[in-house]
Structures are given as structure tokens and as C-alpha cells.
mmCIF file of all heavy atoms, coordinates in Angstrom:
data_MODEL
# 
_entry.id   MODEL 
# 
loop_
_atom_site.group_PDB 
_atom_site.id 
_atom_site.type_symbol 
_atom_site.label_atom_id 
_atom_site.label_alt_id 
_atom_site.label_comp_id 
_atom_site.label_asym_id 
_atom_site.label_entity_id 
_atom_site.label_seq_id 
_atom_site.pdbx_PDB_ins_code 
_atom_site.Cartn_x 
_atom_site.Cartn_y 
_atom_site.Cartn_z 
_atom_site.occupancy 
_atom_site.B_iso_or_equiv 
_atom_site.pdbx_formal_charge 
_atom_site.auth_seq_id 
_atom_site.auth_comp_id 
_atom_site.auth_asym_id 
_atom_site.auth_atom_id 
_atom_site.pdbx_PDB_model_num 
ATOM 1   N N   . GLY A 1 1  ? 60.741 -12.504 -13.032 1.00 0.00 ? 1  GLY A N   1 
ATOM 2   C CA  . GLY A 1 1  ? 61.872 -11.905 -13.725 1.00 0.00 ? 1  GLY A CA  1 
ATOM 3   C C   . GLY A 1 1  ? 62.623 -10.937 -12.771 1.00 0.00 ? 1  GLY A C   1 
ATOM 4   O O   . GLY A 1 1  ? 62.761 -11.295 -11.607 1.00 0.00 ? 1  GLY A O   1 
ATOM 5   N N   . TYR A 1 2  ? 62.814 -9.805  -13.250 1.00 0.00 ? 2  TYR A N   1 
ATOM 6   C CA  . TYR A 1 2  ? 63.582 -8.743  -12.589 1.00 0.00 ? 2  TYR A CA  1 
ATOM 7   C C   . TYR A 1 2  ? 62.766 -8.149  -11.325 1.00 0.00 ? 2  TYR A C   1 
ATOM 8   O O   . TYR A 1 2  ? 63.458 -7.690  -10.286 1.00 0.00 ? 2  TYR A O   1 
ATOM 9   C CB  . TYR A 1 2  ? 64.087 -7.721  -13.429 1.00 0.00 ? 2  TYR A CB  1 
ATOM 10  C CG  . TYR A 1 2  ? 65.303 -8.208  -14.286 1.00 0.00 ? 2  TYR A CG  1 
ATOM 11  C CD1 . TYR A 1 2  ? 65.038 -8.517  -15.557 1.00 0.00 ? 2  TYR A CD1 1 
ATOM 12  C CD2 . TYR A 1 2  ? 66.461 -8.248  -13.793 1.00 0.00 ? 2  TYR A CD2 1 
ATOM 13  C CE1 . TYR A 1 2  ? 66.023 -9.047  -16.398 1.00 0.00 ? 2  TYR A CE1 1 
ATOM 14  C CE2 . TYR A 1 2  ? 67.610 -8.670  -14.585 1.00 0.00 ? 2  TYR A CE2 1 
ATOM 15  C CZ  . TYR A 1 2  ? 67.318 -9.047  -15.817 1.00 0.00 ? 2  TYR A CZ  1 
ATOM 16  O OH  . TYR A 1 2  ? 68.312 -9.624  -16.604 1.00 0.00 ? 2  TYR A OH  1 
ATOM 17  N N   . GLU A 1 3  ? 61.482 -8.252  -11.462 1.00 0.00 ? 3  GLU A N   1 
ATOM 18  C CA  . GLU A 1 3  ? 60.708 -7.677  -10.233 1.00 0.00 ? 3  GLU A CA  1 
ATOM 19  C C   . GLU A 1 3  ? 60.815 -8.653  -9.110  1.00 0.00 ? 3  GLU A C   1 
ATOM 20  O O   . GLU A 1 3  ? 60.844 -8.344  -8.014  1.00 0.00 ? 3  GLU A O   1 
ATOM 21  C CB  . GLU A 1 3  ? 59.294 -7.610  -10.851 1.00 0.00 ? 3  GLU A CB  1 
ATOM 22  C CG  . GLU A 1 3  ? 58.287 -7.061  -9.683  1.00 0.00 ? 3  GLU A CG  1 
ATOM 23  C CD  . GLU A 1 3  ? 58.694 -5.668  -9.097  1.00 0.00 ? 3  GLU A CD  1 
ATOM 24  O OE1 . GLU A 1 3  ? 59.212 -4.876  -9.868  1.00 0.00 ? 3  GLU A OE1 1 
ATOM 25  O OE2 . GLU A 1 3  ? 58.296 -5.350  -7.988  1.00 0.00 ? 3  GLU A OE2 1 
ATOM 26  N N   . ALA A 1 4  ? 60.853 -9.987  -9.472  1.00 0.00 ? 4  ALA A N   1 
ATOM 27  C CA  . ALA A 1 4  ? 60.908 -11.090 -8.470  1.00 0.00 ? 4  ALA A CA  1 
ATOM 28  C C   . ALA A 1 4  ? 62.230 -10.905 -7.744  1.00 0.00 ? 4  ALA A C   1 
ATOM 29  O O   . ALA A 1 4  ? 62.399 -11.047 -6.577  1.00 0.00 ? 4  ALA A O   1 
ATOM 30  C CB  . ALA A 1 4  ? 60.758 -12.485 -9.087  1.00 0.00 ? 4  ALA A CB  1 
ATOM 31  N N   . LEU A 1 5  ? 63.432 -10.656 -8.498  1.00 0.00 ? 5  LEU A N   1 
ATOM 32  C CA  . LEU A 1 5  ? 64.701 -10.371 -7.983  1.00 0.00 ? 5  LEU A CA  1 
ATOM 33  C C   . LEU A 1 5  ? 64.689 -9.247  -7.130  1.00 0.00 ? 5  LEU A C   1 
ATOM 34  O O   . LEU A 1 5  ? 65.281 -9.336  -5.913  1.00 0.00 ? 5  LEU A O   1 
ATOM 35  C CB  . LEU A 1 5  ? 65.669 -10.248 -9.092  1.00 0.00 ? 5  LEU A CB  1 
ATOM 36  C CG  . LEU A 1 5  ? 67.185 -9.908  -8.689  1.00 0.00 ? 5  LEU A CG  1 
ATOM 37  C CD1 . LEU A 1 5  ? 67.831 -11.070 -7.890  1.00 0.00 ? 5  LEU A CD1 1 
ATOM 38  C CD2 . LEU A 1 5  ? 68.025 -9.606  -9.922  1.00 0.00 ? 5  LEU A CD2 1 
ATOM 39  N N   . ARG A 1 6  ? 64.099 -8.166  -7.506  1.00 0.00 ? 6  ARG A N   1 
ATOM 40  C CA  . ARG A 1 6  ? 64.004 -6.959  -6.561  1.00 0.00 ? 6  ARG A CA  1 
ATOM 41  C C   . ARG A 1 6  ? 63.298 -7.191  -5.298  1.00 0.00 ? 6  ARG A C   1 
ATOM 42  O O   . ARG A 1 6  ? 63.740 -6.904  -4.273  1.00 0.00 ? 6  ARG A O   1 
ATOM 43  C CB  . ARG A 1 6  ? 63.353 -5.763  -7.327  1.00 0.00 ? 6  ARG A CB  1 
ATOM 44  C CG  . ARG A 1 6  ? 63.328 -4.455  -6.597  1.00 0.00 ? 6  ARG A CG  1 
ATOM 45  C CD  . ARG A 1 6  ? 62.429 -3.594  -7.315  1.00 0.00 ? 6  ARG A CD  1 
ATOM 46  N NE  . ARG A 1 6  ? 61.045 -3.839  -7.203  1.00 0.00 ? 6  ARG A NE  1 
ATOM 47  C CZ  . ARG A 1 6  ? 60.315 -3.564  -6.192  1.00 0.00 ? 6  ARG A CZ  1 
ATOM 48  N NH1 . ARG A 1 6  ? 60.720 -2.907  -4.988  1.00 0.00 ? 6  ARG A NH1 1 
ATOM 49  N NH2 . ARG A 1 6  ? 58.994 -3.871  -5.988  1.00 0.00 ? 6  ARG A NH2 1 
ATOM 50  N N   . LYS A 1 7  ? 62.089 -8.033  -5.428  1.00 0.00 ? 7  LYS A N   1 
ATOM 51  C CA  . LYS A 1 7  ? 61.375 -8.243  -4.207  1.00 0.00 ? 7  LYS A CA  1 
ATOM 52  C C   . LYS A 1 7  ? 62.071 -9.326  -3.325  1.00 0.00 ? 7  LYS A C   1 
ATOM 53  O O   . LYS A 1 7  ? 62.205 -9.010  -2.095  1.00 0.00 ? 7  LYS A O   1 
ATOM 54  C CB  . LYS A 1 7  ? 60.014 -8.861  -4.730  1.00 0.00 ? 7  LYS A CB  1 
ATOM 55  C CG  . LYS A 1 7  ? 58.899 -7.926  -5.081  1.00 0.00 ? 7  LYS A CG  1 
ATOM 56  C CD  . LYS A 1 7  ? 58.552 -7.042  -3.772  1.00 0.00 ? 7  LYS A CD  1 
ATOM 57  C CE  . LYS A 1 7  ? 57.243 -6.359  -3.866  1.00 0.00 ? 7  LYS A CE  1 
ATOM 58  N NZ  . LYS A 1 7  ? 56.079 -7.254  -3.794  1.00 0.00 ? 7  LYS A NZ  1 
ATOM 59  N N   . ARG A 1 8  ? 62.693 -10.241 -3.802  1.00 0.00 ? 8  ARG A N   1 
ATOM 60  C CA  . ARG A 1 8  ? 63.445 -11.139 -2.971  1.00 0.00 ? 8  ARG A CA  1 
ATOM 61  C C   . ARG A 1 8  ? 64.568 -10.459 -2.189  1.00 0.00 ? 8  ARG A C   1 
ATOM 62  O O   . ARG A 1 8  ? 64.847 -10.771 -1.116  1.00 0.00 ? 8  ARG A O   1 
ATOM 63  C CB  . ARG A 1 8  ? 63.947 -12.393 -3.800  1.00 0.00 ? 8  ARG A CB  1 
ATOM 64  C CG  . ARG A 1 8  ? 62.953 -13.346 -4.352  1.00 0.00 ? 8  ARG A CG  1 
ATOM 65  C CD  . ARG A 1 8  ? 63.565 -14.517 -5.026  1.00 0.00 ? 8  ARG A CD  1 
ATOM 66  N NE  . ARG A 1 8  ? 62.554 -15.564 -5.203  1.00 0.00 ? 8  ARG A NE  1 
ATOM 67  C CZ  . ARG A 1 8  ? 61.957 -15.844 -6.489  1.00 0.00 ? 8  ARG A CZ  1 
ATOM 68  N NH1 . ARG A 1 8  ? 62.403 -15.117 -7.461  1.00 0.00 ? 8  ARG A NH1 1 
ATOM 69  N NH2 . ARG A 1 8  ? 61.123 -16.787 -6.502  1.00 0.00 ? 8  ARG A NH2 1 
ATOM 70  N N   . ARG A 1 9  ? 65.462 -9.584  -3.042  1.00 0.00 ? 9  ARG A N   1 
ATOM 71  C CA  . ARG A 1 9  ? 66.421 -8.915  -2.210  1.00 0.00 ? 9  ARG A CA  1 
ATOM 72  C C   . ARG A 1 9  ? 65.860 -8.014  -1.162  1.00 0.00 ? 9  ARG A C   1 
ATOM 73  O O   . ARG A 1 9  ? 66.457 -7.949  -0.026  1.00 0.00 ? 9  ARG A O   1 
ATOM 74  C CB  . ARG A 1 9  ? 67.167 -8.043  -3.295  1.00 0.00 ? 9  ARG A CB  1 
ATOM 75  C CG  . ARG A 1 9  ? 68.101 -8.790  -4.204  1.00 0.00 ? 9  ARG A CG  1 
ATOM 76  C CD  . ARG A 1 9  ? 68.766 -7.902  -5.310  1.00 0.00 ? 9  ARG A CD  1 
ATOM 77  N NE  . ARG A 1 9  ? 69.743 -8.565  -5.989  1.00 0.00 ? 9  ARG A NE  1 
ATOM 78  C CZ  . ARG A 1 9  ? 70.203 -8.183  -7.154  1.00 0.00 ? 9  ARG A CZ  1 
ATOM 79  N NH1 . ARG A 1 9  ? 69.717 -6.854  -7.687  1.00 0.00 ? 9  ARG A NH1 1 
ATOM 80  N NH2 . ARG A 1 9  ? 71.116 -8.695  -7.794  1.00 0.00 ? 9  ARG A NH2 1 
ATOM 81  N N   . GLY A 1 10 ? 64.649 -7.428  -1.328  1.00 0.00 ? 10 GLY A N   1 
ATOM 82  C CA  . GLY A 1 10 ? 64.099 -6.458  -0.310  1.00 0.00 ? 10 GLY A CA  1 
ATOM 83  C C   . GLY A 1 10 ? 63.697 -7.355  0.950   1.00 0.00 ? 10 GLY A C   1 
ATOM 84  O O   . GLY A 1 10 ? 63.872 -6.847  2.012   1.00 0.00 ? 10 GLY A O   1 
ATOM 85  N N   . ILE A 1 11 ? 63.050 -8.604  0.605   1.00 0.00 ? 11 ILE A N   1 
ATOM 86  C CA  . ILE A 1 11 ? 62.605 -9.425  1.879   1.00 0.00 ? 11 ILE A CA  1 
ATOM 87  C C   . ILE A 1 11 ? 63.781 -9.853  2.511   1.00 0.00 ? 11 ILE A C   1 
ATOM 88  O O   . ILE A 1 11 ? 63.737 -9.988  3.758   1.00 0.00 ? 11 ILE A O   1 
ATOM 89  C CB  . ILE A 1 11 ? 61.711 -10.550 1.194   1.00 0.00 ? 11 ILE A CB  1 
ATOM 90  C CG1 . ILE A 1 11 ? 60.409 -9.977  0.540   1.00 0.00 ? 11 ILE A CG1 1 
ATOM 91  C CG2 . ILE A 1 11 ? 61.327 -11.503 2.263   1.00 0.00 ? 11 ILE A CG2 1 
ATOM 92  C CD1 . ILE A 1 11 ? 59.643 -11.015 -0.153  1.00 0.00 ? 11 ILE A CD1 1 
ATOM 93  N N   . LYS A 1 12 ? 64.752 -10.375 1.912   1.00 0.00 ? 12 LYS A N   1 
ATOM 94  C CA  . LYS A 1 12 ? 66.028 -10.916 2.559   1.00 0.00 ? 12 LYS A CA  1 
ATOM 95  C C   . LYS A 1 12 ? 66.756 -9.835  3.399   1.00 0.00 ? 12 LYS A C   1 
ATOM 96  O O   . LYS A 1 12 ? 67.533 -10.360 4.208   1.00 0.00 ? 12 LYS A O   1 
ATOM 97  C CB  . LYS A 1 12 ? 66.956 -11.534 1.462   1.00 0.00 ? 12 LYS A CB  1 
ATOM 98  C CG  . LYS A 1 12 ? 66.382 -12.748 0.822   1.00 0.00 ? 12 LYS A CG  1 
ATOM 99  C CD  . LYS A 1 12 ? 66.229 -13.917 1.802   1.00 0.00 ? 12 LYS A CD  1 
ATOM 100 C CE  . LYS A 1 12 ? 65.910 -15.286 1.126   1.00 0.00 ? 12 LYS A CE  1 
ATOM 101 N NZ  . LYS A 1 12 ? 65.963 -16.348 2.152   1.00 0.00 ? 12 LYS A NZ  1 
ATOM 102 N N   . LYS A 1 13 ? 66.558 -8.657  3.278   1.00 0.00 ? 13 LYS A N   1 
ATOM 103 C CA  . LYS A 1 13 ? 67.121 -7.610  4.100   1.00 0.00 ? 13 LYS A CA  1 
ATOM 104 C C   . LYS A 1 13 ? 66.575 -7.665  5.487   1.00 0.00 ? 13 LYS A C   1 
ATOM 105 O O   . LYS A 1 13 ? 67.192 -7.218  6.485   1.00 0.00 ? 13 LYS A O   1 
ATOM 106 C CB  . LYS A 1 13 ? 66.942 -6.167  3.529   1.00 0.00 ? 13 LYS A CB  1 
ATOM 107 C CG  . LYS A 1 13 ? 67.678 -5.892  2.202   1.00 0.00 ? 13 LYS A CG  1 
ATOM 108 C CD  . LYS A 1 13 ? 67.391 -4.633  1.702   1.00 0.00 ? 13 LYS A CD  1 
ATOM 109 C CE  . LYS A 1 13 ? 68.252 -4.204  0.457   1.00 0.00 ? 13 LYS A CE  1 
ATOM 110 N NZ  . LYS A 1 13 ? 67.968 -2.969  -0.154  1.00 0.00 ? 13 LYS A NZ  1 
ATOM 111 N N   . PHE A 1 14 ? 65.505 -8.286  5.680   1.00 0.00 ? 14 PHE A N   1 
ATOM 112 C CA  . PHE A 1 14 ? 64.880 -8.436  6.992   1.00 0.00 ? 14 PHE A CA  1 
ATOM 113 C C   . PHE A 1 14 ? 65.149 -9.784  7.634   1.00 0.00 ? 14 PHE A C   1 
ATOM 114 O O   . PHE A 1 14 ? 65.554 -10.830 6.937   1.00 0.00 ? 14 PHE A O   1 
ATOM 115 C CB  . PHE A 1 14 ? 63.334 -8.241  7.006   1.00 0.00 ? 14 PHE A CB  1 
ATOM 116 C CG  . PHE A 1 14 ? 62.928 -6.869  6.425   1.00 0.00 ? 14 PHE A CG  1 
ATOM 117 C CD1 . PHE A 1 14 ? 62.716 -6.669  5.164   1.00 0.00 ? 14 PHE A CD1 1 
ATOM 118 C CD2 . PHE A 1 14 ? 62.792 -5.887  7.361   1.00 0.00 ? 14 PHE A CD2 1 
ATOM 119 C CE1 . PHE A 1 14 ? 62.427 -5.339  4.673   1.00 0.00 ? 14 PHE A CE1 1 
ATOM 120 C CE2 . PHE A 1 14 ? 62.259 -4.591  7.030   1.00 0.00 ? 14 PHE A CE2 1 
ATOM 121 C CZ  . PHE A 1 14 ? 62.167 -4.356  5.641   1.00 0.00 ? 14 PHE A CZ  1 
ATOM 122 N N   . ASN A 1 15 ? 65.187 -9.919  9.038   1.00 0.00 ? 15 ASN A N   1 
ATOM 123 C CA  . ASN A 1 15 ? 65.513 -11.035 9.642   1.00 0.00 ? 15 ASN A CA  1 
ATOM 124 C C   . ASN A 1 15 ? 64.480 -12.094 9.543   1.00 0.00 ? 15 ASN A C   1 
ATOM 125 O O   . ASN A 1 15 ? 64.714 -13.352 9.724   1.00 0.00 ? 15 ASN A O   1 
ATOM 126 C CB  . ASN A 1 15 ? 65.683 -10.710 11.213  1.00 0.00 ? 15 ASN A CB  1 
ATOM 127 C CG  . ASN A 1 15 ? 66.854 -9.846  11.413  1.00 0.00 ? 15 ASN A CG  1 
ATOM 128 O OD1 . ASN A 1 15 ? 67.956 -9.992  10.747  1.00 0.00 ? 15 ASN A OD1 1 
ATOM 129 N ND2 . ASN A 1 15 ? 66.613 -8.905  12.381  1.00 0.00 ? 15 ASN A ND2 1 
ATOM 130 N N   . SER A 1 16 ? 63.287 -11.733 9.088   1.00 0.00 ? 16 SER A N   1 
ATOM 131 C CA  . SER A 1 16 ? 62.133 -12.763 9.123   1.00 0.00 ? 16 SER A CA  1 
ATOM 132 C C   . SER A 1 16 ? 61.143 -12.081 8.101   1.00 0.00 ? 16 SER A C   1 
ATOM 133 O O   . SER A 1 16 ? 61.088 -10.862 7.873   1.00 0.00 ? 16 SER A O   1 
ATOM 134 C CB  . SER A 1 16 ? 61.539 -13.063 10.322  1.00 0.00 ? 16 SER A CB  1 
ATOM 135 O OG  . SER A 1 16 ? 60.892 -11.896 10.863  1.00 0.00 ? 16 SER A OG  1 
ATOM 136 N N   . ILE A 1 17 ? 60.213 -13.038 7.569   1.00 0.00 ? 17 ILE A N   1 
ATOM 137 C CA  . ILE A 1 17 ? 59.186 -12.405 6.841   1.00 0.00 ? 17 ILE A CA  1 
ATOM 138 C C   . ILE A 1 17 ? 58.237 -11.672 7.678   1.00 0.00 ? 17 ILE A C   1 
ATOM 139 O O   . ILE A 1 17 ? 57.588 -10.616 7.088   1.00 0.00 ? 17 ILE A O   1 
ATOM 140 C CB  . ILE A 1 17 ? 58.339 -13.719 6.209   1.00 0.00 ? 17 ILE A CB  1 
ATOM 141 C CG1 . ILE A 1 17 ? 59.271 -14.436 5.236   1.00 0.00 ? 17 ILE A CG1 1 
ATOM 142 C CG2 . ILE A 1 17 ? 57.053 -13.311 5.614   1.00 0.00 ? 17 ILE A CG2 1 
ATOM 143 C CD1 . ILE A 1 17 ? 58.627 -15.739 4.580   1.00 0.00 ? 17 ILE A CD1 1 
ATOM 144 N N   . GLU A 1 18 ? 58.047 -12.007 8.898   1.00 0.00 ? 18 GLU A N   1 
ATOM 145 C CA  . GLU A 1 18 ? 57.280 -11.173 9.761   1.00 0.00 ? 18 GLU A CA  1 
ATOM 146 C C   . GLU A 1 18 ? 57.672 -9.692  9.928   1.00 0.00 ? 18 GLU A C   1 
ATOM 147 O O   . GLU A 1 18 ? 56.923 -8.730  9.745   1.00 0.00 ? 18 GLU A O   1 
ATOM 148 C CB  . GLU A 1 18 ? 57.050 -11.773 11.307  1.00 0.00 ? 18 GLU A CB  1 
ATOM 149 C CG  . GLU A 1 18 ? 56.349 -13.104 11.252  1.00 0.00 ? 18 GLU A CG  1 
ATOM 150 C CD  . GLU A 1 18 ? 57.130 -14.228 10.772  1.00 0.00 ? 18 GLU A CD  1 
ATOM 151 O OE1 . GLU A 1 18 ? 58.308 -14.164 10.563  1.00 0.00 ? 18 GLU A OE1 1 
ATOM 152 O OE2 . GLU A 1 18 ? 56.503 -15.286 10.436  1.00 0.00 ? 18 GLU A OE2 1 
ATOM 153 N N   . GLU A 1 19 ? 59.024 -9.529  10.023  1.00 0.00 ? 19 GLU A N   1 
ATOM 154 C CA  . GLU A 1 19 ? 59.569 -8.133  9.897   1.00 0.00 ? 19 GLU A CA  1 
ATOM 155 C C   . GLU A 1 19 ? 59.347 -7.419  8.624   1.00 0.00 ? 19 GLU A C   1 
ATOM 156 O O   . GLU A 1 19 ? 59.039 -6.182  8.652   1.00 0.00 ? 19 GLU A O   1 
ATOM 157 C CB  . GLU A 1 19 ? 61.050 -8.277  10.305  1.00 0.00 ? 19 GLU A CB  1 
ATOM 158 C CG  . GLU A 1 19 ? 61.349 -8.442  11.686  1.00 0.00 ? 19 GLU A CG  1 
ATOM 159 C CD  . GLU A 1 19 ? 62.906 -8.373  11.909  1.00 0.00 ? 19 GLU A CD  1 
ATOM 160 O OE1 . GLU A 1 19 ? 63.622 -7.612  11.197  1.00 0.00 ? 19 GLU A OE1 1 
ATOM 161 O OE2 . GLU A 1 19 ? 63.374 -8.728  13.001  1.00 0.00 ? 19 GLU A OE2 1 
ATOM 162 N N   . TYR A 1 20 ? 59.433 -8.126  7.615   1.00 0.00 ? 20 TYR A N   1 
ATOM 163 C CA  . TYR A 1 20 ? 59.163 -7.595  6.243   1.00 0.00 ? 20 TYR A CA  1 
ATOM 164 C C   . TYR A 1 20 ? 57.716 -7.116  6.124   1.00 0.00 ? 20 TYR A C   1 
ATOM 165 O O   . TYR A 1 20 ? 57.394 -5.950  5.709   1.00 0.00 ? 20 TYR A O   1 
ATOM 166 C CB  . TYR A 1 20 ? 59.412 -8.557  5.097   1.00 0.00 ? 20 TYR A CB  1 
ATOM 167 C CG  . TYR A 1 20 ? 58.861 -8.325  3.784   1.00 0.00 ? 20 TYR A CG  1 
ATOM 168 C CD1 . TYR A 1 20 ? 59.392 -7.197  3.050   1.00 0.00 ? 20 TYR A CD1 1 
ATOM 169 C CD2 . TYR A 1 20 ? 57.825 -8.987  3.336   1.00 0.00 ? 20 TYR A CD2 1 
ATOM 170 C CE1 . TYR A 1 20 ? 58.953 -6.852  1.734   1.00 0.00 ? 20 TYR A CE1 1 
ATOM 171 C CE2 . TYR A 1 20 ? 57.326 -8.714  2.048   1.00 0.00 ? 20 TYR A CE2 1 
ATOM 172 C CZ  . TYR A 1 20 ? 57.705 -7.626  1.327   1.00 0.00 ? 20 TYR A CZ  1 
ATOM 173 O OH  . TYR A 1 20 ? 57.314 -7.353  0.037   1.00 0.00 ? 20 TYR A OH  1 
ATOM 174 N N   . VAL A 1 21 ? 56.752 -7.945  6.552   1.00 0.00 ? 21 VAL A N   1 
ATOM 175 C CA  . VAL A 1 21 ? 55.272 -7.506  6.536   1.00 0.00 ? 21 VAL A CA  1 
ATOM 176 C C   . VAL A 1 21 ? 55.022 -6.321  7.401   1.00 0.00 ? 21 VAL A C   1 
ATOM 177 O O   . VAL A 1 21 ? 54.240 -5.509  7.187   1.00 0.00 ? 21 VAL A O   1 
ATOM 178 C CB  . VAL A 1 21 ? 54.474 -8.707  6.838   1.00 0.00 ? 21 VAL A CB  1 
ATOM 179 C CG1 . VAL A 1 21 ? 52.951 -8.356  6.929   1.00 0.00 ? 21 VAL A CG1 1 
ATOM 180 C CG2 . VAL A 1 21 ? 54.679 -9.845  5.914   1.00 0.00 ? 21 VAL A CG2 1 
ATOM 181 N N   . GLU A 1 22 ? 55.694 -6.405  8.646   1.00 0.00 ? 22 GLU A N   1 
ATOM 182 C CA  . GLU A 1 22 ? 55.634 -5.208  9.568   1.00 0.00 ? 22 GLU A CA  1 
ATOM 183 C C   . GLU A 1 22 ? 55.993 -3.881  8.975   1.00 0.00 ? 22 GLU A C   1 
ATOM 184 O O   . GLU A 1 22 ? 55.350 -2.927  9.117   1.00 0.00 ? 22 GLU A O   1 
ATOM 185 C CB  . GLU A 1 22 ? 56.357 -5.570  10.919  1.00 0.00 ? 22 GLU A CB  1 
ATOM 186 C CG  . GLU A 1 22 ? 55.628 -6.630  11.737  1.00 0.00 ? 22 GLU A CG  1 
ATOM 187 C CD  . GLU A 1 22 ? 56.410 -6.909  13.032  1.00 0.00 ? 22 GLU A CD  1 
ATOM 188 O OE1 . GLU A 1 22 ? 57.444 -6.168  13.151  1.00 0.00 ? 22 GLU A OE1 1 
ATOM 189 O OE2 . GLU A 1 22 ? 56.107 -7.941  13.657  1.00 0.00 ? 22 GLU A OE2 1 
ATOM 190 N N   . ASP A 1 23 ? 57.164 -4.104  8.157   1.00 0.00 ? 23 ASP A N   1 
ATOM 191 C CA  . ASP A 1 23 ? 57.627 -2.971  7.456   1.00 0.00 ? 23 ASP A CA  1 
ATOM 192 C C   . ASP A 1 23 ? 56.663 -2.377  6.515   1.00 0.00 ? 23 ASP A C   1 
ATOM 193 O O   . ASP A 1 23 ? 56.493 -1.118  6.389   1.00 0.00 ? 23 ASP A O   1 
ATOM 194 C CB  . ASP A 1 23 ? 59.061 -3.248  6.963   1.00 0.00 ? 23 ASP A CB  1 
ATOM 195 C CG  . ASP A 1 23 ? 59.502 -2.036  6.195   1.00 0.00 ? 23 ASP A CG  1 
ATOM 196 O OD1 . ASP A 1 23 ? 60.101 -1.078  7.004   1.00 0.00 ? 23 ASP A OD1 1 
ATOM 197 O OD2 . ASP A 1 23 ? 59.628 -1.963  5.065   1.00 0.00 ? 23 ASP A OD2 1 
ATOM 198 N N   . ARG A 1 24 ? 56.008 -3.289  5.668   1.00 0.00 ? 24 ARG A N   1 
ATOM 199 C CA  . ARG A 1 24 ? 55.095 -2.854  4.801   1.00 0.00 ? 24 ARG A CA  1 
ATOM 200 C C   . ARG A 1 24 ? 53.837 -2.092  5.486   1.00 0.00 ? 24 ARG A C   1 
ATOM 201 O O   . ARG A 1 24 ? 53.425 -1.206  4.943   1.00 0.00 ? 24 ARG A O   1 
ATOM 202 C CB  . ARG A 1 24 ? 54.561 -4.038  3.903   1.00 0.00 ? 24 ARG A CB  1 
ATOM 203 C CG  . ARG A 1 24 ? 55.589 -4.699  2.995   1.00 0.00 ? 24 ARG A CG  1 
ATOM 204 C CD  . ARG A 1 24 ? 54.973 -5.484  1.859   1.00 0.00 ? 24 ARG A CD  1 
ATOM 205 N NE  . ARG A 1 24 ? 54.157 -4.644  0.976   1.00 0.00 ? 24 ARG A NE  1 
ATOM 206 C CZ  . ARG A 1 24 ? 53.601 -5.144  -0.192  1.00 0.00 ? 24 ARG A CZ  1 
ATOM 207 N NH1 . ARG A 1 24 ? 53.544 -6.421  -0.408  1.00 0.00 ? 24 ARG A NH1 1 
ATOM 208 N NH2 . ARG A 1 24 ? 52.918 -4.288  -0.935  1.00 0.00 ? 24 ARG A NH2 1 
ATOM 209 N N   . ASP A 1 25 ? 53.500 -2.774  6.498   1.00 0.00 ? 25 ASP A N   1 
ATOM 210 C CA  . ASP A 1 25 ? 52.371 -2.250  7.252   1.00 0.00 ? 25 ASP A CA  1 
ATOM 211 C C   . ASP A 1 25 ? 52.623 -0.773  7.707   1.00 0.00 ? 25 ASP A C   1 
ATOM 212 O O   . ASP A 1 25 ? 51.755 0.032   7.729   1.00 0.00 ? 25 ASP A O   1 
ATOM 213 C CB  . ASP A 1 25 ? 52.126 -3.282  8.453   1.00 0.00 ? 25 ASP A CB  1 
ATOM 214 C CG  . ASP A 1 25 ? 50.683 -2.856  9.061   1.00 0.00 ? 25 ASP A CG  1 
ATOM 215 O OD1 . ASP A 1 25 ? 49.762 -3.479  8.486   1.00 0.00 ? 25 ASP A OD1 1 
ATOM 216 O OD2 . ASP A 1 25 ? 50.635 -2.169  10.001  1.00 0.00 ? 25 ASP A OD2 1 
ATOM 217 N N   . GLU A 1 26 ? 53.935 -0.500  8.253   1.00 0.00 ? 26 GLU A N   1 
ATOM 218 C CA  . GLU A 1 26 ? 54.255 0.717   8.780   1.00 0.00 ? 26 GLU A CA  1 
ATOM 219 C C   . GLU A 1 26 ? 54.400 1.833   7.642   1.00 0.00 ? 26 GLU A C   1 
ATOM 220 O O   . GLU A 1 26 ? 53.929 2.909   7.860   1.00 0.00 ? 26 GLU A O   1 
ATOM 221 C CB  . GLU A 1 26 ? 55.550 0.741   9.458   1.00 0.00 ? 26 GLU A CB  1 
ATOM 222 C CG  . GLU A 1 26 ? 55.463 -0.080  10.640  1.00 0.00 ? 26 GLU A CG  1 
ATOM 223 C CD  . GLU A 1 26 ? 56.870 -0.229  11.357  1.00 0.00 ? 26 GLU A CD  1 
ATOM 224 O OE1 . GLU A 1 26 ? 57.833 0.314   10.835  1.00 0.00 ? 26 GLU A OE1 1 
ATOM 225 O OE2 . GLU A 1 26 ? 56.975 -0.821  12.425  1.00 0.00 ? 26 GLU A OE2 1 
ATOM 226 N N   . LYS A 1 27 ? 54.775 1.320   6.402   1.00 0.00 ? 27 LYS A N   1 
ATOM 227 C CA  . LYS A 1 27 ? 54.785 2.274   5.227   1.00 0.00 ? 27 LYS A CA  1 
ATOM 228 C C   . LYS A 1 27 ? 53.497 2.625   4.672   1.00 0.00 ? 27 LYS A C   1 
ATOM 229 O O   . LYS A 1 27 ? 53.410 3.571   3.868   1.00 0.00 ? 27 LYS A O   1 
ATOM 230 C CB  . LYS A 1 27 ? 55.831 1.606   4.185   1.00 0.00 ? 27 LYS A CB  1 
ATOM 231 C CG  . LYS A 1 27 ? 57.277 1.600   4.735   1.00 0.00 ? 27 LYS A CG  1 
ATOM 232 C CD  . LYS A 1 27 ? 58.240 1.069   3.732   1.00 0.00 ? 27 LYS A CD  1 
ATOM 233 C CE  . LYS A 1 27 ? 59.635 1.131   4.212   1.00 0.00 ? 27 LYS A CE  1 
ATOM 234 N NZ  . LYS A 1 27 ? 60.569 0.358   3.251   1.00 0.00 ? 27 LYS A NZ  1 
# 
């Protein structure tokens, strides 16, 4: 639902999934 939409938008802001995971790791 809306949580998946929010998550997908957040992931797509990064150039790759690896960058997204790295960002989570840093936070």
C-alpha cells in the first residue's frame, strides 16, 4: 500500500540499491 509507495520512492532517489543500503547503514 502506501508504505510500499513511500519506500519505493525513497529507494529510487539513490543511484543503486547498494547506495540505498549504505545510506541505511550510515543512519
